[in-house]
Amino acid sequence: MDLEKPPPPRHEPEGCLVVAIRLPVRIVVLVLVVPVRMVWDALVVAGRFLNDTVLRPVGRALLWLGRAVFVWPFVGLWRYVVVPLAKGLAWLGNVLVVVPAVWVYRYVLTPVGHACAWVARGIGHACAWVARGIGAGLAWVYARLLTPVGHAVMWVLNGLGAVLAAIGIGVFGVVAWLVRYLVVVPALWVYEWILTPVGRAIAWCVRGLVWVVSSVVTGIGVALYWIARVLFVLPALALYRWVLAPVGRVLAVIGREIWDALGHAWRIAGHISLAVGRFLATLFRWTFVEPVRWVYRTVLTPVGHVVRDAVLRPTAEAARSVGRATRQALTAARESVRQARADFRRMVFGEPKQREAVTGREPRGPETRTLGSSTTALTKD
């Protein structure tokens, strides 16, 4: 654990240009940013109010309307039309296609296939016996006839090959001696004493020409390099070093100060906007909300209680009494109709038969054991 304090952050020294630019830039930026921040905060509050009171309820209503218009009809169509129709078509296809196809496969195609397979196996066995017989005959012909004839032909061909080889060796030796002394030896002499010196002279000339061309190209390149360096590189380097770099540093300082000033001004404008908003909220509360609350609490609430106790509760009690009387009248009418229907049924069809009481068919269990009774043979009385 490091108990030493971390070193304080090092601040780079600032020049007089930075200090001279900072204060006027921050004052100007604060004057320009405060109205923008107040407008922004007002737009944020208005947007939140609009979102909570208008956009969100409208969105929910549009969502419910979209479900009612697009989703629920398709769900009902799928659930109560497409699915039952598909199930009916599946059952119909099973009854009209699958069951007959299974019956045809099981009781027609399967026996026919077994019969065709049995016939094919018989034909295959017969063809196998015939093929074995033909193979045995061909093997005997090959071993007893073709093999001796082939051996005799090979012996004759070997003899002819030996005679032709002896004749070819003699002829080849003569041809090789002629080719060596008429073609190879003169060609070797021409290569050593004519082509080799000529090729070396041509190679020396080509190397010299390449050296000359490379020297010329190198000189031209060095000249062009120094011309481009003097005319373009050195002026551009001086322009960058003595003009663009100082101007860029000044612009960087100005831009950094403007950015920092914008940040400070935005935060200060936020505090100012918060204070103004709280002042306006307090003013609205004491000029509108509190009077409305006082009127509601001291005027409307007693009036509402009087209206509730004098008008609404008696009206509700009368409505409940009427409802109870109506329900009792409907119940009595329903009982009268049920009794008249029962009397008409007895008058037309007679009294219904009474069902006989059925005794319990399960055996009764033993009596509950007490302290004075026992079920063992040793302790039973």
Protein backbone atom coordinates (compact mmCIF):
# COMPACT_ATOMS: atom_id res chain seq x y z
CA MET A 1 0.00 0.00 0.00
CA ASP A 2 1.49 3.31 -1.07
CA LEU A 3 1.14 5.85 1.78
CA GLU A 4 2.86 8.67 -0.05
CA LYS A 5 0.73 11.41 -1.54
CA PRO A 6 0.65 11.60 -5.32
CA PRO A 7 2.56 14.53 -6.74
CA PRO A 8 0.41 17.58 -7.57
CA PRO A 9 -0.44 18.04 -11.26
CA ARG A 10 2.04 20.13 -13.11
CA HIS A 11 0.69 23.20 -14.86
CA GLU A 12 2.55 24.39 -17.85
CA PRO A 13 3.49 28.07 -17.70
CA GLU A 14 1.18 30.29 -19.67
CA GLY A 15 2.34 33.22 -21.71
CA CYS A 16 1.08 36.76 -21.71
CA LEU A 17 -0.80 36.09 -24.98
CA VAL A 18 -2.94 33.41 -23.32
CA VAL A 19 -3.74 35.63 -20.32
CA ALA A 20 -4.56 38.57 -22.61
CA ILE A 21 -6.91 36.51 -24.77
CA ARG A 22 -8.70 34.55 -22.01
CA LEU A 23 -10.70 37.26 -20.18
CA PRO A 24 -12.27 39.11 -23.18
CA VAL A 25 -13.02 35.82 -24.93
CA ARG A 26 -14.81 34.47 -21.84
CA ILE A 27 -16.84 37.68 -21.39
CA VAL A 28 -17.94 37.73 -25.05
CA VAL A 29 -18.75 34.00 -25.07
CA LEU A 30 -20.75 34.31 -21.80
CA VAL A 31 -22.84 37.14 -23.26
CA LEU A 32 -23.52 35.08 -26.39
CA VAL A 33 -24.15 31.74 -24.64
CA VAL A 34 -26.55 32.80 -21.84
CA PRO A 35 -29.55 33.47 -24.18
CA VAL A 36 -28.84 30.25 -26.09
CA ARG A 37 -28.70 28.21 -22.86
CA MET A 38 -31.94 29.76 -21.56
CA VAL A 39 -33.70 29.05 -24.86
CA TRP A 40 -32.33 25.52 -24.79
CA ASP A 41 -33.56 24.88 -21.24
CA ALA A 42 -36.98 26.33 -22.14
CA LEU A 43 -37.18 24.03 -25.17
CA VAL A 44 -36.17 21.05 -23.00
CA VAL A 45 -38.92 21.79 -20.45
CA ALA A 46 -41.48 22.33 -23.20
CA GLY A 47 -40.43 19.12 -24.93
CA ARG A 48 -40.74 17.10 -21.72
CA PHE A 49 -44.15 18.59 -20.99
CA LEU A 50 -45.29 17.93 -24.55
CA ASN A 51 -43.97 14.38 -24.41
CA ASP A 52 -45.71 13.62 -21.09
CA THR A 53 -49.05 15.26 -21.90
CA VAL A 54 -49.49 14.87 -25.67
CA LEU A 55 -47.06 12.58 -27.48
CA ARG A 56 -47.13 9.64 -25.08
CA PRO A 57 -50.98 9.44 -24.81
CA VAL A 58 -51.32 9.93 -28.58
CA GLY A 59 -48.75 7.22 -29.15
CA ARG A 60 -50.59 4.81 -26.87
CA ALA A 61 -53.88 5.61 -28.61
CA LEU A 62 -52.28 5.05 -32.03
CA LEU A 63 -50.76 1.79 -30.78
CA TRP A 64 -54.14 0.57 -29.52
CA LEU A 65 -55.79 1.69 -32.81
CA GLY A 66 -53.13 -0.10 -34.83
CA ARG A 67 -53.67 -3.28 -32.84
CA ALA A 68 -57.45 -3.00 -33.22
CA VAL A 69 -57.26 -2.32 -36.97
CA PHE A 70 -54.36 -4.53 -38.08
CA VAL A 71 -53.34 -7.08 -35.43
CA TRP A 72 -56.58 -8.32 -33.86
CA PRO A 73 -58.44 -8.95 -37.17
CA PHE A 74 -55.54 -11.03 -38.45
CA VAL A 75 -55.30 -12.89 -35.14
CA GLY A 76 -59.02 -13.66 -35.24
CA LEU A 77 -58.78 -14.68 -38.90
CA TRP A 78 -55.85 -16.98 -38.11
CA ARG A 79 -57.39 -18.43 -34.96
CA TYR A 80 -60.99 -18.91 -36.07
CA VAL A 81 -60.71 -19.35 -39.86
CA VAL A 82 -57.27 -20.46 -41.04
CA VAL A 83 -56.49 -22.92 -38.24
CA PRO A 84 -59.89 -24.74 -38.33
CA LEU A 85 -59.80 -24.79 -42.15
CA ALA A 86 -56.26 -26.17 -42.12
CA LYS A 87 -57.24 -28.85 -39.59
CA GLY A 88 -60.26 -29.79 -41.73
CA LEU A 89 -58.11 -29.97 -44.88
CA ALA A 90 -55.52 -32.06 -43.01
CA TRP A 91 -58.21 -34.49 -41.82
CA LEU A 92 -59.72 -34.64 -45.32
CA GLY A 93 -56.29 -35.23 -46.88
CA ASN A 94 -55.60 -37.96 -44.35
CA VAL A 95 -58.90 -39.67 -45.07
CA LEU A 96 -58.82 -39.28 -48.87
CA VAL A 97 -55.08 -39.64 -49.62
CA VAL A 98 -53.00 -41.01 -46.78
CA VAL A 99 -55.27 -43.86 -45.63
CA PRO A 100 -55.94 -45.18 -49.21
CA ALA A 101 -52.23 -44.83 -50.08
CA VAL A 102 -51.24 -46.78 -46.96
CA TRP A 103 -53.83 -49.46 -47.74
CA VAL A 104 -52.59 -49.76 -51.36
CA TYR A 105 -48.97 -49.91 -50.21
CA ARG A 106 -49.67 -52.46 -47.50
CA TYR A 107 -52.08 -54.82 -49.32
CA VAL A 108 -51.18 -54.33 -53.01
CA LEU A 109 -47.68 -53.00 -53.59
CA THR A 110 -45.98 -54.96 -50.80
CA PRO A 111 -47.20 -58.45 -51.99
CA VAL A 112 -46.42 -57.53 -55.62
CA GLY A 113 -42.94 -56.34 -54.62
CA HIS A 114 -42.29 -59.53 -52.67
CA ALA A 115 -43.34 -61.62 -55.69
CA CYS A 116 -41.11 -59.59 -58.05
CA ALA A 117 -38.20 -59.92 -55.64
CA TRP A 118 -38.68 -63.72 -55.47
CA VAL A 119 -38.75 -63.96 -59.29
CA ALA A 120 -35.68 -61.73 -59.56
CA ARG A 121 -33.80 -63.89 -57.04
CA GLY A 122 -34.63 -67.02 -59.06
CA ILE A 123 -33.48 -65.40 -62.31
CA GLY A 124 -30.32 -64.20 -60.58
CA HIS A 125 -29.49 -67.71 -59.32
CA ALA A 126 -30.00 -69.14 -62.83
CA CYS A 127 -27.84 -66.46 -64.41
CA ALA A 128 -25.16 -67.08 -61.79
CA TRP A 129 -25.05 -70.84 -62.61
CA VAL A 130 -24.84 -70.06 -66.36
CA ALA A 131 -22.07 -67.52 -65.78
CA ARG A 132 -20.13 -70.01 -63.67
CA GLY A 133 -20.34 -72.58 -66.47
CA ILE A 134 -19.21 -70.08 -69.12
CA GLY A 135 -16.36 -68.94 -66.86
CA ALA A 136 -15.16 -72.51 -66.33
CA GLY A 137 -15.16 -73.14 -70.15
CA LEU A 138 -13.25 -69.93 -70.82
CA ALA A 139 -10.71 -70.79 -68.12
CA TRP A 140 -10.07 -74.21 -69.71
CA VAL A 141 -9.63 -72.62 -73.18
CA TYR A 142 -7.20 -70.05 -71.74
CA ALA A 143 -5.15 -72.65 -69.82
CA ARG A 144 -5.09 -75.41 -72.48
CA LEU A 145 -5.04 -73.47 -75.77
CA LEU A 146 -4.18 -69.78 -75.49
CA THR A 147 -1.28 -70.12 -73.01
CA PRO A 148 0.82 -72.60 -75.12
CA VAL A 149 0.16 -70.60 -78.31
CA GLY A 150 1.22 -67.36 -76.53
CA HIS A 151 4.44 -69.00 -75.27
CA ALA A 152 5.34 -70.11 -78.80
CA VAL A 153 4.67 -66.65 -80.24
CA MET A 154 6.80 -65.01 -77.52
CA TRP A 155 9.73 -67.41 -78.26
CA VAL A 156 9.60 -66.50 -81.95
CA LEU A 157 9.41 -62.76 -81.17
CA ASN A 158 12.36 -63.01 -78.76
CA GLY A 159 14.50 -64.64 -81.48
CA LEU A 160 13.59 -61.97 -84.04
CA GLY A 161 14.29 -59.25 -81.48
CA ALA A 162 17.81 -60.62 -80.79
CA VAL A 163 18.67 -60.71 -84.54
CA LEU A 164 17.35 -57.14 -85.09
CA ALA A 165 19.26 -55.87 -82.02
CA ALA A 166 22.57 -57.22 -83.34
CA ILE A 167 22.00 -55.56 -86.74
CA GLY A 168 20.93 -52.24 -85.07
CA ILE A 169 24.05 -52.10 -82.84
CA GLY A 170 26.36 -52.22 -85.85
CA VAL A 171 24.42 -49.60 -87.82
CA PHE A 172 24.16 -47.26 -84.77
CA GLY A 173 27.92 -47.37 -84.15
CA VAL A 174 28.67 -46.31 -87.74
CA VAL A 175 26.07 -43.49 -87.62
CA ALA A 176 27.40 -42.23 -84.24
CA TRP A 177 31.02 -42.07 -85.56
CA LEU A 178 29.87 -40.10 -88.62
CA VAL A 179 27.77 -37.65 -86.54
CA ARG A 180 30.67 -37.03 -84.11
CA TYR A 181 33.34 -36.22 -86.72
CA LEU A 182 31.05 -34.49 -89.22
CA VAL A 183 28.79 -32.43 -86.88
CA VAL A 184 29.92 -32.27 -83.23
CA VAL A 185 33.64 -31.57 -83.68
CA PRO A 186 33.13 -28.73 -86.26
CA ALA A 187 30.34 -27.18 -84.15
CA LEU A 188 32.55 -27.25 -81.00
CA TRP A 189 35.42 -25.57 -82.90
CA VAL A 190 33.10 -22.84 -84.23
CA TYR A 191 31.74 -22.21 -80.69
CA GLU A 192 35.21 -21.97 -79.05
CA TRP A 193 37.07 -19.89 -81.67
CA ILE A 194 34.32 -17.74 -83.24
CA LEU A 195 31.13 -17.38 -81.17
CA THR A 196 32.80 -17.02 -77.75
CA PRO A 197 35.10 -14.05 -78.67
CA VAL A 198 32.29 -12.32 -80.57
CA GLY A 199 29.89 -12.75 -77.60
CA ARG A 200 32.47 -11.38 -75.13
CA ALA A 201 33.05 -8.30 -77.33
CA ILE A 202 29.31 -7.67 -77.59
CA ALA A 203 28.90 -8.07 -73.80
CA TRP A 204 31.77 -5.57 -73.13
CA CYS A 205 30.15 -3.03 -75.51
CA VAL A 206 26.75 -3.46 -73.84
CA ARG A 207 28.27 -2.99 -70.33
CA GLY A 208 30.03 0.18 -71.46
CA LEU A 209 26.83 1.54 -73.01
CA VAL A 210 24.88 0.77 -69.84
CA TRP A 211 27.52 2.54 -67.70
CA VAL A 212 27.39 5.63 -69.93
CA VAL A 213 23.56 5.74 -69.87
CA SER A 214 23.45 5.22 -66.09
CA SER A 215 26.00 7.98 -65.55
CA VAL A 216 24.00 10.40 -67.70
CA VAL A 217 20.72 9.49 -65.95
CA THR A 218 22.36 9.83 -62.50
CA GLY A 219 23.71 13.26 -63.36
CA ILE A 220 20.35 14.43 -64.67
CA GLY A 221 18.63 13.07 -61.55
CA VAL A 222 21.07 14.82 -59.18
CA ALA A 223 20.60 18.06 -61.09
CA LEU A 224 16.81 17.78 -60.98
CA TYR A 225 16.96 16.89 -57.25
CA TRP A 226 18.95 19.99 -56.38
CA ILE A 227 16.80 22.18 -58.62
CA ALA A 228 13.60 20.88 -56.95
CA ARG A 229 15.17 21.21 -53.49
CA VAL A 230 16.26 24.81 -54.08
CA LEU A 231 13.07 25.91 -55.86
CA PHE A 232 10.38 24.02 -53.87
CA VAL A 233 11.56 22.21 -50.74
CA LEU A 234 13.62 24.92 -49.07
CA PRO A 235 10.98 27.68 -49.63
CA ALA A 236 8.19 25.38 -48.44
CA LEU A 237 10.24 24.42 -45.36
CA ALA A 238 10.96 28.06 -44.57
CA LEU A 239 7.29 28.97 -45.06
CA TYR A 240 6.19 26.16 -42.72
CA ARG A 241 8.85 26.89 -40.09
CA TRP A 242 8.69 30.68 -39.97
CA VAL A 243 5.03 31.42 -40.98
CA LEU A 244 2.62 28.49 -40.70
CA ALA A 245 3.92 27.04 -37.42
CA PRO A 246 3.70 30.34 -35.44
CA VAL A 247 0.30 31.17 -36.93
CA GLY A 248 -0.91 27.61 -36.12
CA ARG A 249 0.29 27.91 -32.53
CA VAL A 250 -1.56 31.23 -32.11
CA LEU A 251 -4.72 29.79 -33.67
CA ALA A 252 -4.43 26.70 -31.45
CA VAL A 253 -4.20 28.88 -28.33
CA ILE A 254 -7.18 30.98 -29.47
CA GLY A 255 -9.24 27.86 -30.30
CA ARG A 256 -8.42 26.20 -26.94
CA GLU A 257 -9.35 29.34 -25.04
CA ILE A 258 -12.61 29.68 -27.01
CA TRP A 259 -13.46 26.02 -26.27
CA ASP A 260 -12.71 26.42 -22.54
CA ALA A 261 -14.68 29.66 -22.50
CA LEU A 262 -17.64 27.93 -24.13
CA GLY A 263 -17.56 25.22 -21.46
CA HIS A 264 -17.40 27.71 -18.57
CA ALA A 265 -20.06 29.92 -20.15
CA TRP A 266 -22.37 26.94 -20.72
CA ARG A 267 -22.09 25.87 -17.08
CA ILE A 268 -22.58 29.43 -15.77
CA ALA A 269 -25.53 29.91 -18.15
CA GLY A 270 -27.02 26.68 -16.78
CA HIS A 271 -26.90 28.05 -13.22
CA ILE A 272 -28.40 31.34 -14.40
CA SER A 273 -31.14 29.51 -16.34
CA LEU A 274 -31.86 27.31 -13.29
CA ALA A 275 -32.22 30.36 -11.07
CA VAL A 276 -34.50 32.10 -13.59
CA GLY A 277 -36.58 28.93 -13.98
CA ARG A 278 -36.97 28.57 -10.21
CA PHE A 279 -37.98 32.23 -9.95
CA LEU A 280 -40.59 31.82 -12.70
CA ALA A 281 -41.85 28.58 -11.12
CA THR A 282 -42.19 30.26 -7.72
CA LEU A 283 -43.94 33.24 -9.32
CA PHE A 284 -46.35 30.94 -11.19
CA ARG A 285 -47.00 29.00 -8.00
CA TRP A 286 -47.86 32.06 -5.89
CA THR A 287 -49.87 33.81 -8.64
CA PHE A 288 -51.86 30.85 -9.99
CA VAL A 289 -51.38 27.53 -8.17
CA GLU A 290 -51.86 28.72 -4.59
CA PRO A 291 -55.04 30.74 -5.40
CA VAL A 292 -56.49 27.78 -7.28
CA ARG A 293 -55.60 25.45 -4.39
CA TRP A 294 -57.18 27.86 -1.89
CA VAL A 295 -60.37 28.11 -3.98
CA TYR A 296 -60.51 24.30 -4.31
CA ARG A 297 -59.90 23.73 -0.61
CA THR A 298 -62.13 26.45 0.85
CA VAL A 299 -64.92 26.72 -1.74
CA LEU A 300 -65.23 23.74 -4.04
CA THR A 301 -64.60 21.01 -1.44
CA PRO A 302 -67.42 22.10 0.97
CA VAL A 303 -69.77 22.62 -1.99
CA GLY A 304 -68.91 19.16 -3.27
CA HIS A 305 -69.51 17.61 0.14
CA VAL A 306 -72.90 19.32 0.35
CA VAL A 307 -73.83 18.14 -3.16
CA ARG A 308 -72.66 14.63 -2.31
CA ASP A 309 -74.62 14.43 0.97
CA ALA A 310 -77.76 16.22 -0.23
CA VAL A 311 -78.09 15.01 -3.84
CA LEU A 312 -75.80 12.20 -4.90
CA ARG A 313 -76.19 9.84 -1.93
CA PRO A 314 -80.06 10.01 -1.86
CA THR A 315 -80.11 9.55 -5.62
CA ALA A 316 -77.79 6.54 -5.37
CA GLU A 317 -79.84 5.04 -2.53
CA ALA A 318 -83.04 5.47 -4.58
CA ALA A 319 -81.39 3.88 -7.60
CA ARG A 320 -80.24 0.94 -5.44
CA SER A 321 -83.78 0.52 -4.05
CA VAL A 322 -85.22 0.53 -7.56
CA GLY A 323 -82.63 -2.03 -8.61
CA ARG A 324 -83.43 -4.31 -5.68
CA ALA A 325 -87.15 -4.09 -6.40
CA THR A 326 -86.55 -4.81 -10.07
CA ARG A 327 -84.38 -7.86 -9.24
CA GLN A 328 -87.00 -9.18 -6.82
CA ALA A 329 -89.74 -8.75 -9.44
CA LEU A 330 -87.61 -10.54 -12.06
CA THR A 331 -86.86 -13.37 -9.58
CA ALA A 332 -90.59 -13.81 -8.76
CA ALA A 333 -91.49 -13.80 -12.49
CA ARG A 334 -88.75 -16.38 -13.18
CA GLU A 335 -90.05 -18.63 -10.36
CA SER A 336 -93.61 -18.30 -11.70
CA VAL A 337 -92.52 -19.28 -15.22
CA ARG A 338 -90.51 -22.24 -13.86
CA GLN A 339 -93.51 -23.44 -11.78
CA ALA A 340 -95.88 -23.09 -14.76
CA ARG A 341 -93.49 -25.07 -16.98
CA ALA A 342 -93.26 -27.82 -14.33
CA ASP A 343 -97.08 -27.98 -14.00
CA PHE A 344 -97.46 -28.21 -17.81
CA ARG A 345 -94.86 -31.02 -17.96
CA ARG A 346 -96.68 -32.99 -15.19
CA MET A 347 -100.03 -32.44 -16.92
CA VAL A 348 -98.70 -33.73 -20.29
CA PHE A 349 -96.20 -36.45 -19.27
CA GLY A 350 -97.37 -37.33 -15.77
CA GLU A 351 -95.45 -37.48 -12.51
CA PRO A 352 -91.76 -38.45 -12.93
CA LYS A 353 -90.62 -41.70 -11.42
CA GLN A 354 -88.96 -41.49 -8.06
CA ARG A 355 -85.46 -42.88 -7.93
CA GLU A 356 -84.88 -45.72 -5.52
CA ALA A 357 -82.46 -45.07 -2.72
CA VAL A 358 -79.27 -47.07 -3.26
CA THR A 359 -77.55 -48.35 -0.15
CA GLY A 360 -73.82 -47.95 0.19
CA ARG A 361 -72.06 -50.81 -1.58
CA GLU A 362 -68.73 -50.34 0.20
CA PRO A 363 -68.22 -52.35 3.42
CA ARG A 364 -68.28 -50.43 6.65
CA GLY A 365 -64.94 -50.11 8.38
CA PRO A 366 -64.14 -51.31 11.89
CA GLU A 367 -65.08 -49.23 14.85
CA THR A 368 -62.62 -46.75 16.23
CA ARG A 369 -60.12 -48.17 18.73
CA THR A 370 -60.39 -46.94 22.33
CA LEU A 371 -58.31 -47.46 25.46
CA GLY A 372 -60.59 -50.27 26.59
CA SER A 373 -60.56 -52.34 23.38
CA SER A 374 -57.89 -54.25 21.49
CA THR A 375 -57.58 -56.13 18.22
CA THR A 376 -54.93 -58.66 19.25
CA ALA A 377 -55.80 -62.21 20.30
CA LEU A 378 -53.87 -62.03 23.60
CA THR A 379 -55.50 -58.90 24.98
CA LYS A 380 -59.01 -59.28 23.52
CA ASP A 381 -61.75 -59.82 26.15
